[in-house]
N, C-alpha and C. Protein backbone atom coordinates (compact mmCIF):
# COMPACT_ATOMS: atom_id res chain seq x y z
N MET A 1 0.54 -1.14 -0.27
CA MET A 1 -0.10 -0.19 0.23
C MET A 1 0.88 1.24 0.15
N SER A 2 0.06 2.05 -0.53
CA SER A 2 1.52 3.18 -0.64
C SER A 2 0.66 4.40 0.44
N SER A 3 1.69 5.54 0.80
CA SER A 3 1.35 6.34 2.03
C SER A 3 0.28 7.38 1.59
N PRO A 4 -0.29 7.88 2.29
CA PRO A 4 -1.32 8.69 2.04
C PRO A 4 -0.46 10.06 2.06
N SER A 5 -0.79 11.01 1.19
CA SER A 5 -0.32 12.30 0.66
C SER A 5 -0.09 13.00 2.09
N PRO A 6 1.11 14.13 1.60
CA PRO A 6 1.03 14.67 2.76
C PRO A 6 -0.30 15.62 3.22
N ASN A 7 -0.96 16.17 2.41
CA ASN A 7 -2.21 16.85 2.39
C ASN A 7 -3.21 15.92 3.28
N ASP A 8 -3.40 14.53 2.59
CA ASP A 8 -4.08 13.80 3.43
C ASP A 8 -3.88 13.62 4.60
N SER A 9 -2.70 13.32 5.05
CA SER A 9 -2.18 13.02 6.53
C SER A 9 -2.32 14.44 7.26
N PHE A 10 -1.94 15.50 6.62
CA PHE A 10 -2.44 16.81 7.60
C PHE A 10 -3.92 16.81 7.91
N ASP A 11 -4.92 16.37 7.17
CA ASP A 11 -6.31 16.35 7.40
C ASP A 11 -6.34 15.57 8.31
N ARG A 12 -5.82 14.15 8.40
CA ARG A 12 -6.28 13.16 9.40
C ARG A 12 -5.92 13.45 10.57
N TRP A 13 -4.35 13.94 10.56
CA TRP A 13 -3.38 14.09 11.86
C TRP A 13 -3.91 15.11 12.85
N TYR A 14 -4.04 16.23 11.62
CA TYR A 14 -4.43 17.92 12.63
C TYR A 14 -5.41 18.24 12.27
N LYS A 15 -6.02 18.46 10.73
CA LYS A 15 -7.37 19.25 10.58
C LYS A 15 -8.51 18.60 11.57
N ALA A 16 -8.73 17.36 11.24
CA ALA A 16 -9.99 16.65 11.53
C ALA A 16 -9.87 16.57 13.38
N PRO A 17 -8.86 16.35 13.96
CA PRO A 17 -8.48 16.54 15.55
C PRO A 17 -8.84 17.79 15.82
N LEU A 18 -8.42 18.59 15.30
CA LEU A 18 -8.66 20.07 15.86
C LEU A 18 -10.06 20.60 15.55
N GLN A 19 -10.44 20.00 14.54
CA GLN A 19 -12.00 20.53 14.91
C GLN A 19 -12.92 19.71 16.00
N HIS A 20 -12.57 18.79 15.99
CA HIS A 20 -13.23 17.85 16.90
C HIS A 20 -12.86 18.33 18.43
N LEU A 21 -12.15 18.89 18.49
CA LEU A 21 -11.79 19.65 20.00
C LEU A 21 -12.85 20.31 19.99
N GLU A 22 -13.27 20.98 19.60
CA GLU A 22 -14.47 22.12 19.62
C GLU A 22 -15.48 21.40 20.18
N SER A 23 -16.06 20.23 20.04
CA SER A 23 -17.04 19.29 20.54
C SER A 23 -17.11 18.81 22.13
N LEU A 24 -15.55 19.14 22.61
CA LEU A 24 -15.77 18.88 23.88
C LEU A 24 -16.41 19.74 24.76
N PRO A 25 -17.34 19.36 25.64
CA PRO A 25 -17.83 20.23 26.79
C PRO A 25 -16.99 21.31 27.41
N ASN A 26 -17.49 22.37 27.57
CA ASN A 26 -17.11 23.68 28.27
C ASN A 26 -15.65 24.23 27.80
N GLY A 27 -15.62 23.89 26.57
CA GLY A 27 -14.57 24.52 25.87
C GLY A 27 -13.13 23.88 25.92
N ASP A 28 -13.17 22.50 26.77
CA ASP A 28 -12.13 21.82 27.32
C ASP A 28 -10.89 21.77 26.36
N GLY A 29 -11.51 21.68 24.90
CA GLY A 29 -10.38 21.30 23.99
C GLY A 29 -9.64 22.46 23.42
N ALA A 30 -9.84 23.91 24.01
CA ALA A 30 -9.36 24.95 23.18
C ALA A 30 -7.75 25.28 23.77
N PHE A 31 -7.47 24.70 24.70
CA PHE A 31 -5.92 25.26 25.07
C PHE A 31 -4.98 23.92 23.97
N VAL A 32 -5.40 22.90 24.04
CA VAL A 32 -4.79 21.96 23.21
C VAL A 32 -4.75 22.65 21.58
N ALA A 33 -6.01 23.06 21.24
CA ALA A 33 -6.09 23.50 19.91
C ALA A 33 -5.36 24.70 19.49
N LEU A 34 -5.27 25.60 20.60
CA LEU A 34 -4.58 26.76 20.53
C LEU A 34 -3.11 26.45 20.50
N ALA A 35 -2.63 25.44 21.19
CA ALA A 35 -0.94 24.83 21.24
C ALA A 35 -0.65 24.16 20.10
N VAL A 36 -1.67 23.43 19.56
CA VAL A 36 -1.21 22.65 18.46
C VAL A 36 -1.24 23.79 17.24
N SER A 37 -2.22 24.69 17.42
CA SER A 37 -2.49 25.67 16.16
C SER A 37 -1.27 26.61 16.35
N CYS A 38 -0.46 26.92 17.17
CA CYS A 38 0.65 27.54 17.26
C CYS A 38 1.93 27.12 16.51
N PHE A 39 2.14 25.55 16.98
CA PHE A 39 3.09 25.11 16.18
C PHE A 39 3.00 24.97 14.82
N LEU A 40 1.52 24.59 14.44
CA LEU A 40 1.24 24.31 12.97
C LEU A 40 1.54 25.71 11.97
N TYR A 41 0.90 26.89 12.73
CA TYR A 41 1.12 28.29 12.43
C TYR A 41 2.64 28.50 11.95
N GLU A 42 3.60 28.20 12.88
CA GLU A 42 5.02 28.45 12.72
C GLU A 42 5.28 27.30 11.71
N ARG A 43 5.21 26.26 11.48
CA ARG A 43 5.46 25.43 10.21
C ARG A 43 4.96 26.09 9.01
N TYR A 44 4.00 26.40 8.99
CA TYR A 44 3.45 27.11 8.05
C TYR A 44 4.60 28.46 7.47
N CYS A 45 4.34 29.26 8.73
CA CYS A 45 5.21 30.38 8.53
C CYS A 45 6.58 30.45 8.00
N VAL A 46 7.40 29.29 8.52
CA VAL A 46 8.66 28.99 7.97
C VAL A 46 8.64 28.63 6.59
N ALA A 47 7.79 27.80 6.37
CA ALA A 47 7.70 27.36 4.74
C ALA A 47 7.67 28.29 4.03
N TYR A 48 6.57 29.06 4.31
CA TYR A 48 5.86 30.19 3.37
C TYR A 48 7.14 31.35 3.22
N LEU A 49 7.75 31.76 4.26
CA LEU A 49 8.88 32.80 4.08
C LEU A 49 9.88 31.82 3.36
N LYS A 50 10.38 30.75 3.53
CA LYS A 50 11.17 30.12 2.62
C LYS A 50 11.07 29.99 1.00
N SER A 51 9.74 29.89 1.09
CA SER A 51 9.20 29.66 -0.40
C SER A 51 9.32 30.93 -1.23
N LYS A 52 9.44 32.22 -0.32
CA LYS A 52 9.79 33.44 -1.15
C LYS A 52 11.31 33.93 -0.98
N LYS A 53 11.68 32.74 -0.53
CA LYS A 53 13.34 33.03 -0.61
C LYS A 53 13.76 34.10 0.60
N ALA A 54 12.79 34.25 1.93
CA ALA A 54 13.06 35.38 2.76
C ALA A 54 13.62 34.33 4.28
N LYS A 55 14.31 35.55 4.96
CA LYS A 55 14.72 34.32 6.31
C LYS A 55 13.36 34.15 6.94
N ALA A 56 13.69 33.03 7.57
CA ALA A 56 12.64 32.73 8.55
C ALA A 56 12.87 32.90 10.12
N ASN A 57 13.67 34.04 10.35
CA ASN A 57 14.23 34.61 11.92
C ASN A 57 13.08 34.78 12.54
N ASP A 58 13.26 35.23 13.76
CA ASP A 58 12.18 35.49 14.78
C ASP A 58 11.40 36.85 14.14
N ALA A 59 12.09 37.78 13.84
CA ALA A 59 11.48 39.20 13.45
C ALA A 59 10.75 38.87 12.13
N ALA A 60 10.83 38.07 11.33
CA ALA A 60 10.18 37.73 10.13
C ALA A 60 9.02 36.84 10.19
N LYS A 61 9.15 36.02 11.39
CA LYS A 61 7.89 35.60 11.69
C LYS A 61 7.04 36.13 12.41
N ARG A 62 7.45 37.14 13.14
CA ARG A 62 6.34 38.11 13.83
C ARG A 62 5.77 38.69 12.60
N ALA A 63 6.65 39.31 11.82
CA ALA A 63 5.71 40.12 10.91
C ALA A 63 5.16 39.62 9.70
N GLN A 64 5.26 38.24 9.62
CA GLN A 64 4.41 37.38 8.76
C GLN A 64 2.92 37.12 9.76
N LEU A 65 3.07 37.00 11.16
CA LEU A 65 2.07 36.86 11.79
C LEU A 65 1.09 38.07 11.90
N GLU A 66 1.88 39.14 11.84
CA GLU A 66 0.94 40.59 11.62
C GLU A 66 0.18 40.37 10.32
N ALA A 67 1.02 39.89 9.06
CA ALA A 67 0.23 39.94 7.91
C ALA A 67 -0.88 38.97 7.58
N ASP A 68 -0.44 37.57 8.38
CA ASP A 68 -1.77 36.40 7.95
C ASP A 68 -2.94 36.82 9.06
N PHE A 69 -2.49 37.48 10.07
CA PHE A 69 -3.61 37.67 11.10
C PHE A 69 -4.07 39.06 11.06
N SER A 70 -3.70 39.95 10.42
CA SER A 70 -4.41 41.21 10.20
C SER A 70 -4.32 41.85 11.57
N VAL A 71 -3.21 41.89 12.25
CA VAL A 71 -2.99 42.62 13.50
C VAL A 71 -1.75 43.78 13.68
N ASP A 72 -1.74 44.47 14.40
CA ASP A 72 -0.50 45.50 14.44
C ASP A 72 0.87 44.70 14.91
N THR A 73 1.81 45.35 15.25
CA THR A 73 2.92 44.86 15.46
C THR A 73 2.74 44.41 16.77
N ASP A 74 2.34 45.54 17.94
CA ASP A 74 2.21 45.33 18.97
C ASP A 74 1.47 43.89 19.52
N THR A 75 0.37 43.66 18.85
CA THR A 75 -0.38 42.42 18.87
C THR A 75 0.39 40.97 18.47
N ALA A 76 0.96 41.19 17.46
CA ALA A 76 1.60 40.00 16.95
C ALA A 76 3.15 39.83 18.05
N ASN A 77 3.44 40.80 18.69
CA ASN A 77 4.61 40.63 19.65
C ASN A 77 4.04 39.88 20.73
N ALA A 78 3.09 40.49 21.34
CA ALA A 78 2.55 40.02 22.52
C ALA A 78 2.27 38.60 22.54
N PHE A 79 1.26 38.34 21.01
CA PHE A 79 0.95 36.74 20.84
C PHE A 79 2.18 36.06 20.88
N TRP A 80 3.11 36.42 20.23
CA TRP A 80 4.34 35.65 19.95
C TRP A 80 5.39 35.29 21.59
N ASP A 81 5.22 36.29 22.14
CA ASP A 81 5.78 36.16 23.58
C ASP A 81 5.32 35.45 24.39
N VAL A 82 3.87 35.97 24.75
CA VAL A 82 3.13 35.18 25.74
C VAL A 82 2.46 33.94 25.24
N ILE A 83 1.92 33.78 24.16
CA ILE A 83 1.21 32.56 23.84
C ILE A 83 2.13 31.49 23.19
N ARG A 84 2.72 31.96 21.95
CA ARG A 84 3.48 31.31 21.40
C ARG A 84 4.41 30.75 22.09
N ASN A 85 5.42 31.44 22.83
CA ASN A 85 6.40 30.83 23.75
C ASN A 85 6.06 30.09 24.79
N GLY A 86 5.04 30.71 25.33
CA GLY A 86 4.33 29.89 26.73
C GLY A 86 4.06 28.74 26.11
N PHE A 87 2.61 28.47 25.54
CA PHE A 87 2.02 27.25 25.42
C PHE A 87 3.19 26.09 24.81
N LEU A 88 4.23 26.59 23.66
CA LEU A 88 5.08 25.78 23.39
C LEU A 88 6.46 25.33 23.92
N HIS A 89 6.24 26.29 25.10
CA HIS A 89 7.61 25.84 25.97
C HIS A 89 6.91 24.94 27.32
N GLN A 90 5.81 25.61 27.66
CA GLN A 90 5.29 25.24 29.08
C GLN A 90 4.18 25.03 28.92
N GLY A 91 3.49 24.95 27.91
CA GLY A 91 1.85 24.60 28.28
C GLY A 91 0.91 25.73 28.80
N MET A 92 1.46 27.06 28.68
CA MET A 92 0.65 27.72 29.29
C MET A 92 1.07 29.32 28.98
N GLY A 93 0.38 30.20 28.87
CA GLY A 93 0.59 31.74 28.86
C GLY A 93 2.10 32.04 29.75
N LEU A 94 3.42 32.57 29.00
CA LEU A 94 4.24 33.10 29.40
C LEU A 94 3.73 34.61 30.32
N GLN A 95 4.32 34.70 31.30
CA GLN A 95 3.79 35.97 32.16
C GLN A 95 4.91 36.64 32.63
N LYS A 96 5.95 35.85 32.80
CA LYS A 96 7.39 36.53 33.62
C LYS A 96 8.75 36.01 32.99
N THR A 97 9.39 37.22 32.62
CA THR A 97 10.75 36.99 31.83
C THR A 97 11.91 37.64 32.60
N ASN A 98 12.87 37.63 32.40
CA ASN A 98 14.08 38.26 33.24
C ASN A 98 14.15 39.63 32.88
N LYS A 99 13.42 39.96 31.56
CA LYS A 99 13.38 41.56 31.13
C LYS A 99 12.72 42.22 32.05
N SER A 100 12.74 43.53 31.98
CA SER A 100 12.21 44.30 33.13
C SER A 100 10.68 44.64 32.24
N ASP A 101 10.53 44.77 31.00
CA ASP A 101 9.34 44.98 30.38
C ASP A 101 8.23 43.92 30.89
N PRO A 102 7.11 44.26 31.40
CA PRO A 102 6.09 43.00 31.53
C PRO A 102 5.23 42.79 30.82
N LEU A 103 5.01 41.79 30.79
CA LEU A 103 4.17 41.11 29.64
C LEU A 103 2.65 41.32 29.80
N PRO A 104 1.64 41.40 28.51
CA PRO A 104 0.63 41.71 28.79
C PRO A 104 -0.28 40.27 29.52
N THR A 105 -1.17 40.26 30.39
CA THR A 105 -1.76 39.24 30.74
C THR A 105 -2.83 38.63 29.76
N TRP A 106 -3.16 37.65 29.63
CA TRP A 106 -4.01 37.21 28.37
C TRP A 106 -5.14 36.19 29.14
N SER A 107 -6.19 36.05 28.03
CA SER A 107 -7.34 35.23 28.27
C SER A 107 -7.84 35.15 27.20
N VAL A 108 -8.60 33.64 27.21
CA VAL A 108 -9.21 33.02 26.03
C VAL A 108 -10.70 33.24 26.44
N SER A 109 -11.63 33.23 25.16
CA SER A 109 -12.81 33.41 24.98
C SER A 109 -13.51 32.87 23.78
N GLN A 110 -14.63 32.57 23.96
CA GLN A 110 -15.38 32.10 22.78
C GLN A 110 -15.96 33.59 22.33
N SER A 111 -16.05 34.87 22.78
CA SER A 111 -17.02 35.98 22.96
C SER A 111 -15.69 36.64 22.42
N PHE A 112 -14.44 36.52 22.36
CA PHE A 112 -13.42 37.36 22.02
C PHE A 112 -13.39 37.36 20.39
N PRO A 113 -12.74 38.52 19.81
CA PRO A 113 -12.32 38.39 18.29
C PRO A 113 -11.12 37.50 18.31
N ARG A 114 -10.58 36.98 17.02
CA ARG A 114 -9.65 36.16 16.89
C ARG A 114 -8.51 36.33 17.82
N LEU A 115 -8.20 37.70 17.74
CA LEU A 115 -6.62 38.26 18.44
C LEU A 115 -6.70 39.38 18.55
N GLN A 116 -6.64 40.08 19.62
CA GLN A 116 -6.96 41.27 20.10
C GLN A 116 -5.87 41.88 21.19
N LEU A 117 -4.93 42.83 21.09
CA LEU A 117 -4.55 43.48 22.26
C LEU A 117 -5.11 44.31 22.88
N ASP A 118 -5.65 44.74 23.82
CA ASP A 118 -5.91 45.68 24.89
C ASP A 118 -5.05 46.65 25.37
N LYS A 119 -4.81 47.41 24.97
CA LYS A 119 -3.49 48.25 25.60
C LYS A 119 -3.53 48.79 26.88
N GLY A 120 -4.82 48.60 27.42
CA GLY A 120 -4.89 48.80 29.11
C GLY A 120 -4.59 50.30 29.51
N PRO A 121 -4.22 50.43 30.54
CA PRO A 121 -3.52 49.83 31.64
C PRO A 121 -4.42 48.59 32.36
N PRO A 122 -3.98 47.85 32.68
CA PRO A 122 -2.94 46.77 31.93
C PRO A 122 -3.19 46.46 30.96
N PRO A 123 -2.13 45.96 29.87
CA PRO A 123 -2.66 45.33 28.51
C PRO A 123 -2.91 43.98 28.86
N LYS A 124 -3.89 43.72 28.20
CA LYS A 124 -4.13 42.06 28.04
C LYS A 124 -4.73 41.61 26.63
N LEU A 125 -4.20 40.58 26.32
CA LEU A 125 -4.15 39.76 24.98
C LEU A 125 -5.35 38.81 25.26
N LYS A 126 -6.40 39.10 24.32
CA LYS A 126 -7.43 38.20 24.10
C LYS A 126 -7.33 37.28 22.85
N ILE A 127 -7.67 36.21 23.28
CA ILE A 127 -7.48 35.31 22.13
C ILE A 127 -8.86 34.35 22.01
N GLN A 128 -9.43 34.01 20.56
CA GLN A 128 -10.74 33.23 20.35
C GLN A 128 -9.72 32.19 19.87
N PRO A 129 -9.75 30.93 20.87
CA PRO A 129 -8.81 29.98 20.34
C PRO A 129 -9.52 28.96 18.78
N TRP A 130 -10.63 29.13 18.74
CA TRP A 130 -11.33 28.13 17.60
C TRP A 130 -11.28 29.18 16.29
N LEU A 131 -11.05 30.89 16.54
CA LEU A 131 -10.98 31.50 15.18
C LEU A 131 -9.49 31.55 15.04
N PHE A 132 -8.28 31.26 15.72
CA PHE A 132 -6.96 31.39 15.57
C PHE A 132 -6.85 30.00 14.90
N ARG A 133 -7.48 28.91 15.35
CA ARG A 133 -7.41 27.61 14.80
C ARG A 133 -7.64 27.55 13.45
N ASP A 134 -8.89 28.48 13.04
CA ASP A 134 -9.54 28.25 11.94
C ASP A 134 -8.63 28.93 10.68
N ARG A 135 -8.06 30.13 10.99
CA ARG A 135 -7.39 30.98 10.04
C ARG A 135 -5.66 30.01 9.78
N VAL A 136 -5.67 29.28 11.23
CA VAL A 136 -4.29 28.23 10.70
C VAL A 136 -4.65 27.31 9.50
N ILE A 137 -5.41 26.50 9.78
CA ILE A 137 -6.30 25.74 8.85
C ILE A 137 -6.46 26.33 7.20
N GLU A 138 -6.98 27.53 7.46
CA GLU A 138 -7.26 28.23 6.11
C GLU A 138 -5.89 28.46 5.20
N LEU A 139 -5.11 29.05 5.97
CA LEU A 139 -3.57 29.29 5.77
C LEU A 139 -3.06 27.77 4.88
N TRP A 140 -3.14 27.02 5.67
CA TRP A 140 -2.66 25.31 5.38
C TRP A 140 -3.43 25.00 4.09
N ASP A 141 -4.82 25.34 3.89
CA ASP A 141 -5.42 24.84 2.85
C ASP A 141 -5.43 25.43 1.74
N ALA A 142 -4.85 26.74 1.48
CA ALA A 142 -4.40 27.64 0.57
C ALA A 142 -3.07 27.31 0.14
N ARG A 143 -2.34 26.72 0.84
CA ARG A 143 -1.22 26.35 0.39
C ARG A 143 -0.54 25.05 0.88
N PRO A 144 -1.40 23.91 0.35
CA PRO A 144 -1.08 22.57 1.01
C PRO A 144 0.31 22.21 0.15
N ASP A 145 1.01 22.78 -0.80
CA ASP A 145 2.49 22.41 -1.15
C ASP A 145 3.40 22.64 -0.34
N LEU A 146 3.21 23.49 1.07
CA LEU A 146 4.07 23.77 2.01
C LEU A 146 4.39 22.62 3.35
N ILE A 147 2.99 21.91 3.01
CA ILE A 147 3.29 20.98 4.09
C ILE A 147 4.42 20.00 4.44
N ASP A 148 5.01 19.46 3.04
CA ASP A 148 6.04 18.76 3.18
C ASP A 148 7.43 19.55 2.76
N ALA A 149 7.72 20.71 2.81
CA ALA A 149 8.62 21.56 2.23
C ALA A 149 9.92 21.73 3.62
N ASN A 150 9.39 21.48 4.74
CA ASN A 150 10.28 21.67 5.62
C ASN A 150 11.33 20.62 5.71
N THR A 151 12.52 20.72 5.30
CA THR A 151 13.71 19.73 5.32
C THR A 151 14.34 19.46 6.54
N SER A 152 14.13 20.36 7.39
CA SER A 152 14.93 20.07 9.07
C SER A 152 13.96 19.29 9.59
N PHE A 153 12.54 19.25 9.52
CA PHE A 153 11.41 18.39 10.01
C PHE A 153 10.39 18.06 9.36
N PRO A 154 11.16 16.95 8.31
CA PRO A 154 10.54 16.39 7.34
C PRO A 154 9.20 15.83 7.66
N TRP A 155 8.28 15.89 7.01
CA TRP A 155 6.71 15.46 7.18
C TRP A 155 6.89 13.86 7.40
N ALA A 156 6.40 13.15 8.25
CA ALA A 156 6.39 11.82 8.36
C ALA A 156 5.76 11.04 7.34
N THR A 157 6.23 9.81 7.16
CA THR A 157 5.37 9.00 6.13
C THR A 157 4.91 7.48 6.98
N ILE A 158 3.52 7.35 6.84
CA ILE A 158 3.37 6.18 7.14
C ILE A 158 2.59 5.06 6.09
N TYR A 159 3.35 3.94 6.34
CA TYR A 159 3.29 2.88 5.45
C TYR A 159 1.95 1.84 6.02
N GLY A 160 1.66 1.02 5.22
CA GLY A 160 0.44 -0.06 5.99
C GLY A 160 -0.89 0.14 5.94
N PRO A 161 -1.42 -0.41 6.36
CA PRO A 161 -2.88 -0.02 6.42
C PRO A 161 -3.37 1.52 6.87
N THR A 162 -4.24 2.10 6.04
CA THR A 162 -4.68 3.48 6.54
C THR A 162 -6.29 3.50 6.82
């Protein structure tokens, strides 16, 4: 038997499970969906930037987040520092660093817009995890050619019954 295509694998391994998480009661799948969507977005972002022959450094990824999610620089930076770094390193939003600049507090709710930074005081980052997830899936659906474009972290292949 042949292995499923990268796009089929993406749909099975990520898209369908992420969509299913929303059916859990009390929004209990939201944090998992947000964390998974963060690393899927970063994979997309790196592949997209490299497809444009651009550097995929931290500054470029933050700028791409601005463009992909139609947010300003402060919102993109707050999301990257608090949610992306927090959820992908410790499974929760980052609130304290060694730097003197305080990080915004954060909150998730189904009633929030996709991604918004209320400047405060104090500043508060608001995330609607299902809308964030939907945007990440939308980006991948528009560019499935990028799914297996990463040579440092190659897309897995499964052989056998599917």
